Amino acid sequence: MRTITAARGSAIIFIITGLLVSACTTVKPETAISYSYTEYLNISYGEDANQKFDMSVPHVHDGTADVFLFIHGGSLLNGDKDTYPRYLDKYRESCIFVTMNYRFVNSGIHIDDILLDVDKTIKTIKSAAEGRGAVPQKLIIMGHSAGAQLALLYSYKYFDQTAMPIAFCVGTAPPADFTDPSYYSMAKNRQGNFKEGLKTLMQLGALYTGTVIQESDIATDELFDQTVSKYFTQISPVYFVSGNCPPTILVHDTSDKTVPYSNSVGLRSALNVLNVPNVLISSTDNLGHNLGETGDNWSMSGAHKGIVPWIPRLINKIDEYIAIYCN
């Protein structure tokens, strides 16, 4: 066991979601590792091999804990809970910090099933943390890309059903609106023509929702055909915005070629209309979809050197929201 000095403060549990692609998870038995916090690995919340999460509980807390949940990305097709931005490790010293795995979409598993995985994880965190000396209080959910999609969808759809109140949510490069016309121009550029690009997107939407594609729904010109919206509204957080949504932090690079920057702009506009507290941190550093999060860029030292200048801005905003919404 290794020991690291922990900062004093209330515990917060983070569960984060992202769209980062990595190898499939290797199933391991639950184990406990002790630092300035104790980390519990591979806690099961269901019978599927992917229904596991890792949780750390800080040694210095007052018996209560907020929850910070990080959900990994990978287009809902791959990824692993071990893939999370290391600049968030600072929260382990004052928070209960959680990263989760979930089932991937296939012919029998769709996005609503994965949202239920998120819900089951949160319920299991509550009982698991209480059994380890920390009573969960409020919940923070963060994710990147597909993980951000899950974090936002869960926050907006389950805000009145979750096992603990959601303090705020964080999404980096979030796919917030699959009906955004910018997707179709991107798809055209990748596939060579509009119809094939749209069909590719519809196949993804159909996989996520279990919908059967109707060839008659595929537009033949570059005018967005509203009949295709049924493939995408269920998976687009912007369609679930209400005045009850939790405060939201968004981060997006303006050069993103995978999820258009306009997705975050549109979501922020929808939140503003309903007076939901929110902020959009825009990166203009040409960092792309993963926001420069590779190699040393995952570390706080890299961020402070200016390698990824949006990270200190995000950390400051998270700390500000914790002070406001977790008390």
Protein backbone atom coordinates (compact mmCIF):
# COMPACT_ATOMS: atom_id res chain seq x y z
CA MET A 1 0.00 0.00 0.00
CA ARG A 2 1.14 3.53 -0.77
CA THR A 3 0.22 6.61 1.28
CA ILE A 4 -0.28 10.14 -0.06
CA THR A 5 -1.12 13.12 2.13
CA ALA A 6 -4.77 14.08 1.63
CA ALA A 7 -6.25 17.56 1.75
CA ARG A 8 -8.98 18.12 4.31
CA GLY A 9 -12.49 18.65 3.06
CA SER A 10 -15.78 16.94 2.38
CA ALA A 11 -15.67 13.88 0.14
CA ILE A 12 -17.01 14.07 -3.36
CA ILE A 13 -17.69 11.12 -5.69
CA PHE A 14 -16.98 11.72 -9.38
CA ILE A 15 -18.25 9.35 -12.12
CA ILE A 16 -16.99 10.37 -15.51
CA THR A 17 -18.05 9.42 -19.03
CA GLY A 18 -16.09 9.84 -22.24
CA LEU A 19 -15.88 8.85 -25.85
CA LEU A 20 -12.21 7.88 -25.74
CA VAL A 21 -11.48 4.61 -27.51
CA SER A 22 -9.45 1.95 -25.71
CA ALA A 23 -9.20 -1.81 -25.42
CA CYS A 24 -12.07 -3.83 -23.98
CA THR A 25 -11.99 -4.26 -20.22
CA THR A 26 -10.30 -7.24 -18.58
CA VAL A 27 -12.52 -8.66 -15.86
CA LYS A 28 -10.72 -8.73 -12.51
CA PRO A 29 -11.91 -9.60 -8.99
CA GLU A 30 -12.72 -6.80 -6.56
CA THR A 31 -9.62 -5.60 -4.73
CA ALA A 32 -8.77 -2.77 -2.30
CA ILE A 33 -5.70 -0.49 -2.55
CA SER A 34 -4.91 2.13 0.12
CA TYR A 35 -3.30 5.58 -0.48
CA SER A 36 -4.51 8.79 1.22
CA TYR A 37 -7.73 7.18 0.09
CA THR A 38 -8.71 3.54 -0.27
CA GLU A 39 -9.50 2.41 -3.80
CA TYR A 40 -11.92 -0.45 -4.37
CA LEU A 41 -11.58 -2.03 -7.81
CA ASN A 42 -14.09 -3.95 -9.90
CA ILE A 43 -17.18 -3.57 -7.74
CA SER A 44 -20.06 -5.33 -9.50
CA TYR A 45 -23.41 -3.65 -10.04
CA GLY A 46 -24.89 -6.32 -12.33
CA GLU A 47 -24.32 -9.77 -13.81
CA ASP A 48 -22.66 -8.68 -17.07
CA ALA A 49 -18.85 -8.72 -17.15
CA ASN A 50 -18.83 -4.99 -18.05
CA GLN A 51 -21.09 -3.96 -15.17
CA LYS A 52 -18.31 -2.96 -12.78
CA PHE A 53 -16.88 0.25 -11.34
CA ASP A 54 -13.82 1.44 -9.41
CA MET A 55 -14.35 3.67 -6.36
CA SER A 56 -11.95 5.54 -4.09
CA VAL A 57 -12.91 6.80 -0.62
CA PRO A 58 -10.68 9.48 0.97
CA HIS A 59 -9.39 8.87 4.48
CA VAL A 60 -10.12 12.44 5.60
CA HIS A 61 -13.82 13.29 5.58
CA ASP A 62 -16.62 13.98 8.04
CA GLY A 63 -18.55 10.79 7.35
CA THR A 64 -20.40 12.24 4.37
CA ALA A 65 -19.35 12.44 0.73
CA ASP A 66 -20.41 14.04 -2.51
CA VAL A 67 -20.06 11.83 -5.59
CA PHE A 68 -18.07 12.58 -8.75
CA LEU A 69 -18.83 10.08 -11.52
CA PHE A 70 -16.70 9.80 -14.66
CA ILE A 71 -18.06 7.79 -17.61
CA HIS A 72 -15.62 6.75 -20.32
CA GLY A 73 -16.26 7.19 -24.04
CA GLY A 74 -15.77 5.07 -27.11
CA SER A 75 -18.90 5.63 -29.25
CA LEU A 76 -20.76 3.32 -26.81
CA LEU A 77 -18.96 0.52 -28.65
CA ASN A 78 -15.71 0.18 -26.67
CA GLY A 79 -13.57 1.79 -23.97
CA ASP A 80 -12.73 1.11 -20.33
CA LYS A 81 -13.10 2.69 -16.89
CA ASP A 82 -9.31 2.95 -16.61
CA THR A 83 -9.39 5.60 -19.35
CA TYR A 84 -10.06 8.89 -17.62
CA PRO A 85 -8.26 12.28 -17.57
CA ARG A 86 -5.59 12.16 -14.87
CA TYR A 87 -5.98 15.85 -14.06
CA LEU A 88 -9.06 14.75 -12.11
CA ASP A 89 -6.97 12.71 -9.67
CA LYS A 90 -6.76 15.76 -7.42
CA TYR A 91 -10.39 15.14 -6.45
CA ARG A 92 -9.57 11.71 -5.02
CA GLU A 93 -8.07 13.43 -1.98
CA SER A 94 -11.31 15.17 -1.05
CA CYS A 95 -13.94 13.12 -2.86
CA ILE A 96 -15.27 9.66 -3.43
CA PHE A 97 -14.19 9.23 -7.03
CA VAL A 98 -15.75 6.62 -9.36
CA THR A 99 -15.12 5.44 -12.90
CA MET A 100 -17.50 2.91 -14.42
CA ASN A 101 -17.75 0.35 -17.18
CA TYR A 102 -21.04 -0.33 -18.94
CA ARG A 103 -22.49 -2.67 -21.54
CA PHE A 104 -21.86 -1.68 -25.16
CA VAL A 105 -24.56 -1.16 -27.77
CA ASN A 106 -25.40 -4.13 -29.97
CA SER A 107 -28.54 -5.71 -31.41
CA GLY A 108 -29.87 -6.35 -27.91
CA ILE A 109 -28.40 -3.45 -25.90
CA HIS A 110 -29.40 0.13 -26.68
CA ILE A 111 -28.71 3.53 -25.16
CA ASP A 112 -31.60 3.34 -22.69
CA ASP A 113 -30.10 0.11 -21.35
CA ILE A 114 -26.78 1.89 -20.83
CA LEU A 115 -28.54 4.72 -19.01
CA LEU A 116 -29.98 2.06 -16.71
CA ASP A 117 -26.39 0.89 -16.15
CA VAL A 118 -25.54 4.42 -15.04
CA ASP A 119 -28.54 4.42 -12.71
CA LYS A 120 -27.62 1.01 -11.24
CA THR A 121 -24.04 2.20 -10.74
CA ILE A 122 -25.21 5.23 -8.77
CA LYS A 123 -27.48 3.10 -6.58
CA THR A 124 -24.66 0.63 -5.93
CA ILE A 125 -22.21 3.45 -5.18
CA LYS A 126 -24.59 4.67 -2.50
CA SER A 127 -24.70 1.34 -0.70
CA ALA A 128 -21.01 0.53 -1.33
CA ALA A 129 -19.83 3.89 0.02
CA GLU A 130 -22.08 3.71 3.07
CA GLY A 131 -20.63 0.27 3.80
CA ARG A 132 -17.14 1.78 3.69
CA GLY A 133 -17.79 4.69 6.03
CA ALA A 134 -18.89 7.51 3.68
CA VAL A 135 -22.53 8.50 3.28
CA PRO A 136 -23.08 9.93 -0.23
CA GLN A 137 -24.62 13.38 -0.49
CA LYS A 138 -24.71 15.08 -3.89
CA LEU A 139 -23.64 13.73 -7.27
CA ILE A 140 -21.42 15.21 -9.97
CA ILE A 141 -21.36 13.47 -13.38
CA MET A 142 -18.74 14.13 -16.03
CA GLY A 143 -17.95 12.50 -19.35
CA HIS A 144 -16.10 12.96 -22.61
CA SER A 145 -17.77 12.53 -26.01
CA ALA A 146 -20.05 9.45 -25.80
CA GLY A 147 -19.45 9.53 -22.05
CA ALA A 148 -20.58 13.16 -22.03
CA GLN A 149 -23.64 12.13 -24.03
CA LEU A 150 -24.50 9.62 -21.31
CA ALA A 151 -23.74 12.05 -18.50
CA LEU A 152 -25.97 14.75 -19.98
CA LEU A 153 -28.79 12.40 -20.97
CA TYR A 154 -28.82 10.85 -17.51
CA SER A 155 -28.73 14.24 -15.77
CA TYR A 156 -31.54 15.65 -17.90
CA LYS A 157 -33.79 12.56 -17.97
CA TYR A 158 -33.22 11.11 -14.48
CA PHE A 159 -32.81 14.28 -12.41
CA ASP A 160 -35.92 13.42 -10.35
CA GLN A 161 -35.29 9.66 -10.12
CA THR A 162 -31.61 9.28 -9.24
CA ALA A 163 -30.49 7.78 -5.93
CA MET A 164 -28.80 11.05 -4.92
CA PRO A 165 -29.40 14.65 -6.08
CA ILE A 166 -27.30 15.79 -9.04
CA ALA A 167 -25.27 18.88 -8.14
CA PHE A 168 -24.09 19.55 -11.70
CA CYS A 169 -22.88 17.76 -14.82
CA VAL A 170 -19.83 18.21 -17.05
CA GLY A 171 -19.49 17.28 -20.72
CA THR A 172 -16.36 17.62 -22.84
CA ALA A 173 -16.91 17.42 -26.62
CA PRO A 174 -20.48 16.23 -26.03
CA PRO A 175 -22.68 14.85 -28.84
CA ALA A 176 -25.61 17.00 -27.74
CA ASP A 177 -27.69 17.18 -30.93
CA PHE A 178 -27.52 14.55 -33.67
CA THR A 179 -30.04 16.56 -35.71
CA ASP A 180 -27.51 19.39 -36.05
CA PRO A 181 -27.08 19.93 -39.84
CA SER A 182 -23.32 20.27 -39.28
CA TYR A 183 -23.18 16.50 -38.75
CA TYR A 184 -24.46 15.93 -42.26
CA SER A 185 -21.94 18.18 -43.95
CA MET A 186 -19.21 16.35 -42.00
CA ALA A 187 -20.67 13.01 -43.03
CA LYS A 188 -20.80 14.10 -46.67
CA ASN A 189 -17.13 15.07 -46.54
CA ARG A 190 -16.19 11.68 -45.07
CA GLN A 191 -18.37 9.52 -47.33
CA GLY A 192 -18.13 11.51 -50.56
CA ASN A 193 -21.84 12.22 -50.96
CA PHE A 194 -24.65 13.39 -48.75
CA LYS A 195 -26.88 10.31 -48.98
CA GLU A 196 -24.16 7.84 -47.99
CA GLY A 197 -22.99 10.14 -45.19
CA LEU A 198 -26.52 10.45 -43.83
CA LYS A 199 -27.04 6.70 -44.06
CA THR A 200 -23.90 6.13 -42.01
CA LEU A 201 -25.20 8.44 -39.29
CA MET A 202 -28.63 6.81 -39.39
CA GLN A 203 -27.05 3.39 -38.92
CA LEU A 204 -25.41 4.67 -35.74
CA GLY A 205 -28.68 6.18 -34.54
CA ALA A 206 -30.54 2.95 -35.34
CA LEU A 207 -27.95 0.91 -33.41
CA TYR A 208 -28.23 3.23 -30.41
CA THR A 209 -32.04 3.11 -30.34
CA GLY A 210 -32.93 -0.27 -31.83
CA THR A 211 -34.79 1.44 -34.69
CA VAL A 212 -35.02 -0.25 -38.08
CA ILE A 213 -33.81 2.06 -40.88
CA GLN A 214 -36.38 2.86 -43.55
CA GLU A 215 -34.71 3.53 -46.88
CA SER A 216 -37.46 6.03 -47.69
CA ASP A 217 -36.22 8.17 -44.77
CA ILE A 218 -32.81 8.71 -46.33
CA ALA A 219 -32.79 12.13 -47.98
CA THR A 220 -31.41 12.27 -51.52
CA ASP A 221 -30.45 15.93 -51.45
CA GLU A 222 -28.69 18.19 -49.01
CA LEU A 223 -31.86 19.48 -47.41
CA PHE A 224 -32.15 17.87 -43.99
CA ASP A 225 -35.20 15.60 -44.09
CA GLN A 226 -37.05 15.91 -40.78
CA THR A 227 -38.27 12.32 -41.06
CA VAL A 228 -34.83 11.17 -39.95
CA SER A 229 -35.17 12.96 -36.61
CA LYS A 230 -36.78 9.87 -35.10
CA TYR A 231 -33.39 8.18 -35.30
CA PHE A 232 -31.66 10.90 -33.32
CA THR A 233 -33.90 12.79 -30.89
CA GLN A 234 -33.85 9.96 -28.32
CA ILE A 235 -30.05 10.09 -28.16
CA SER A 236 -29.64 13.90 -28.22
CA PRO A 237 -29.44 15.63 -24.79
CA VAL A 238 -30.69 18.94 -26.23
CA TYR A 239 -34.16 17.41 -26.65
CA PHE A 240 -34.40 16.73 -22.92
CA VAL A 241 -33.52 20.21 -21.68
CA SER A 242 -36.00 21.56 -19.12
CA GLY A 243 -36.01 24.13 -16.37
CA ASN A 244 -35.21 21.30 -13.94
CA CYS A 245 -31.90 20.38 -15.56
CA PRO A 246 -28.87 20.58 -13.25
CA PRO A 247 -26.19 23.24 -13.85
CA THR A 248 -24.01 22.26 -16.78
CA ILE A 249 -20.35 22.80 -17.74
CA LEU A 250 -19.41 22.23 -21.39
CA VAL A 251 -15.97 22.11 -23.02
CA HIS A 252 -15.54 21.98 -26.80
CA ASP A 253 -12.79 22.69 -29.31
CA THR A 254 -13.92 24.82 -32.24
CA SER A 255 -11.97 22.58 -34.65
CA ASP A 256 -13.71 19.33 -33.62
CA LYS A 257 -14.29 17.24 -36.77
CA THR A 258 -16.11 14.40 -34.97
CA VAL A 259 -18.72 16.24 -32.91
CA PRO A 260 -19.41 19.75 -34.28
CA TYR A 261 -18.69 22.66 -31.95
CA SER A 262 -22.19 23.89 -32.83
CA ASN A 263 -23.57 21.01 -30.70
CA SER A 264 -22.34 22.70 -27.53
CA VAL A 265 -23.37 26.16 -28.75
CA GLY A 266 -26.90 24.88 -29.43
CA LEU A 267 -27.15 23.10 -26.08
CA ARG A 268 -25.97 26.19 -24.24
CA SER A 269 -28.61 28.27 -26.05
CA ALA A 270 -31.34 25.81 -25.01
CA LEU A 271 -30.16 25.93 -21.39
CA ASN A 272 -30.06 29.74 -21.46
CA VAL A 273 -33.66 29.95 -22.69
CA LEU A 274 -34.76 28.08 -19.57
CA ASN A 275 -32.34 29.92 -17.24
CA VAL A 276 -30.36 26.78 -16.37
CA PRO A 277 -26.92 27.81 -15.03
CA ASN A 278 -24.26 26.82 -17.52
CA VAL A 279 -20.90 27.72 -19.04
CA LEU A 280 -19.23 26.81 -22.31
CA ILE A 281 -15.43 26.72 -22.23
CA SER A 282 -14.35 27.09 -25.85
CA SER A 283 -10.95 25.86 -26.96
CA THR A 284 -9.53 27.64 -30.01
CA ASP A 285 -6.23 25.77 -29.98
CA ASN A 286 -7.02 23.35 -32.83
CA LEU A 287 -6.91 20.37 -30.44
CA GLY A 288 -9.64 18.37 -32.16
CA HIS A 289 -12.20 16.01 -30.66
CA ASN A 290 -10.04 14.65 -27.84
CA LEU A 291 -9.07 18.18 -26.83
CA GLY A 292 -5.36 17.34 -26.85
CA GLU A 293 -5.79 14.71 -24.14
CA THR A 294 -2.99 12.36 -25.14
CA GLY A 295 0.27 11.41 -23.43
CA ASP A 296 1.50 14.08 -21.03
CA ASN A 297 -1.57 16.18 -21.74
CA TRP A 298 -3.50 14.04 -19.26
CA SER A 299 -1.41 15.41 -16.39
CA MET A 300 -1.92 18.59 -14.40
CA SER A 301 1.75 19.43 -14.94
CA GLY A 302 1.14 19.41 -18.69
CA ALA A 303 -1.88 21.64 -18.26
CA HIS A 304 0.02 24.17 -16.16
CA LYS A 305 2.72 24.33 -18.81
CA GLY A 306 0.05 25.51 -21.23
CA ILE A 307 -0.02 22.32 -23.32
CA VAL A 308 -3.79 22.14 -22.94
CA PRO A 309 -4.79 25.58 -21.64
CA TRP A 310 -8.48 24.76 -21.26
CA ILE A 311 -7.81 22.30 -18.42
CA PRO A 312 -7.02 24.90 -15.71
CA ARG A 313 -10.13 26.81 -16.81
CA LEU A 314 -12.21 23.66 -16.41
CA ILE A 315 -10.71 22.79 -13.02
CA ASN A 316 -11.40 26.33 -11.78
CA LYS A 317 -15.01 26.13 -12.98
CA ILE A 318 -15.54 22.69 -11.40
CA ASP A 319 -14.17 24.01 -8.11
CA GLU A 320 -16.48 27.01 -8.37
CA TYR A 321 -19.52 24.83 -9.04
CA ILE A 322 -18.59 22.52 -6.15
CA ALA A 323 -18.50 25.53 -3.81
CA ILE A 324 -21.89 26.72 -5.06
CA TYR A 325 -23.89 23.57 -5.71
CA CYS A 326 -22.43 20.97 -3.32
CA ASN A 327 -23.14 22.89 -0.12
